[in-house]
Amino acid sequence: MNEIAVQDVDVVVVGAGQAGLSGAYHLGRAGIGHVVLDHAPRPGGAWQFRWPSLTYGKVHGMHALPGMELTGADPLRPSSEVIAEYFAAYEDRFGLRVRRPVDVTAVRDGADGRLRVESRSGTWSARALINATGTWDRPFWPRYPGQEIFGGRQLHTADYPGPAEFAGARVIVVGGGTSAVQHLLEIAEVAAGTTWVTRRPPVFRDGSFGEAQGRAAVALVEDRVRRGLAPRSVVSVTGLPLNEAVRGGLESGVLDRRPMFDHLTRTGAVWPDGSGVEADVILWATGFRPAIDHLAPLRLRKPGGGIRLDGTRAVRDERIHLVGYGPSASTIGANRAGGAAVREIHRLLTRIRADVH
């Protein structure tokens, strides 16, 4: 790539979902020069790719971006539409001027202690970087014997089209999270039959989930990140909310969970005891992994598979902040992390400028 085309900026924000927009908002408030790069075709972060039947009323724990509330949304509209419109209005309100689609391919050491942020659309030289790439682009597919010979359809939550395509089908849903439960409850209404399998027994949470419980859950995830282990989602330690729809699924047997099968055959799944279920579709609601491959040149990963953080800052490189990662993966966590990252970046830039003079 032509070096003459390299653009200097104080901070590059990679990603324009909840975490990236929060970071950009706080950078603007602090008067720090920055650019926001987003690989998606339009505003909305990962929300724009959610399935149509996930209406706004079903969204679990959507928290407003800093400085602008989301009000008056129709709970029956698809969340992909509601939140994408909200994010677009937010970008416009605060003049964020997100550049898209820009697919960042690598972040590496550049000249004079700066970072070199490379993409097919251009290259930026920055003093610091806020990484807010989330997980949607890295769906996790576990491996089980027989997957390659199963004759039916296999798809992941990332490709879930809504329940209509499963009409009359025998469906196995794999996964113990909120998405798996939502998929099951709506697919069961049109499918010939459903089977739910998970590695661990699901834990349902009855009653309110207050601030104290939220802090405890975040602390568990934060501890893993502090030790450089691959992060677990905050949701994975909070349990599944026992709402009216879930109660109905438990009573009807739709949410009668089976342990993980041993292997797949051409026509279905087989358990260790020899029992089996025939299936036309396997839906892997098995979660996502952080989309951070572009940071590989900086060698930030620890042997435990994760990036060790102190707050939002990478311990191995103070120029790098991860928001929407590990303990800040919730929408309210992403907001707070965006502000925290910018405060540390401001201190870093102040120190750099003092050293120069």
Foldseek 3Di string as FASTA:
>chain_A
DDPVQAAEFAEEEEFQELLSLLLLLLCVVVVGTYAYEYQDAAAQTLLLQAAFQQFQLNDPFADDFPPDDQPDDDRRGRSNVSRRVVSRVSCVVRVRPHDPNWDFQAWAQDPPCWIWTDTPVTIYTYNFYEYENAWLVFFDDDDAAAPVQAQAAEEESSPDHFQPVQAAWEEEEEDQFPSSLVRLLRNVVGYPYYAYEYQDDFFEDEDDCDPVNLVVLLVVQLVCQQVQAFGDASRVRSTHYCDPSNVVCVVVVSPVYDYDFRHAHRFFTAHPVGDTDGGRYYYYHHGGGDPCPNHVNLVQHDPNGGGNDDLQAGPSDRRYGYACGGSRVRSVSSSVSSNVNSVSSVVVVVVVVVVVD
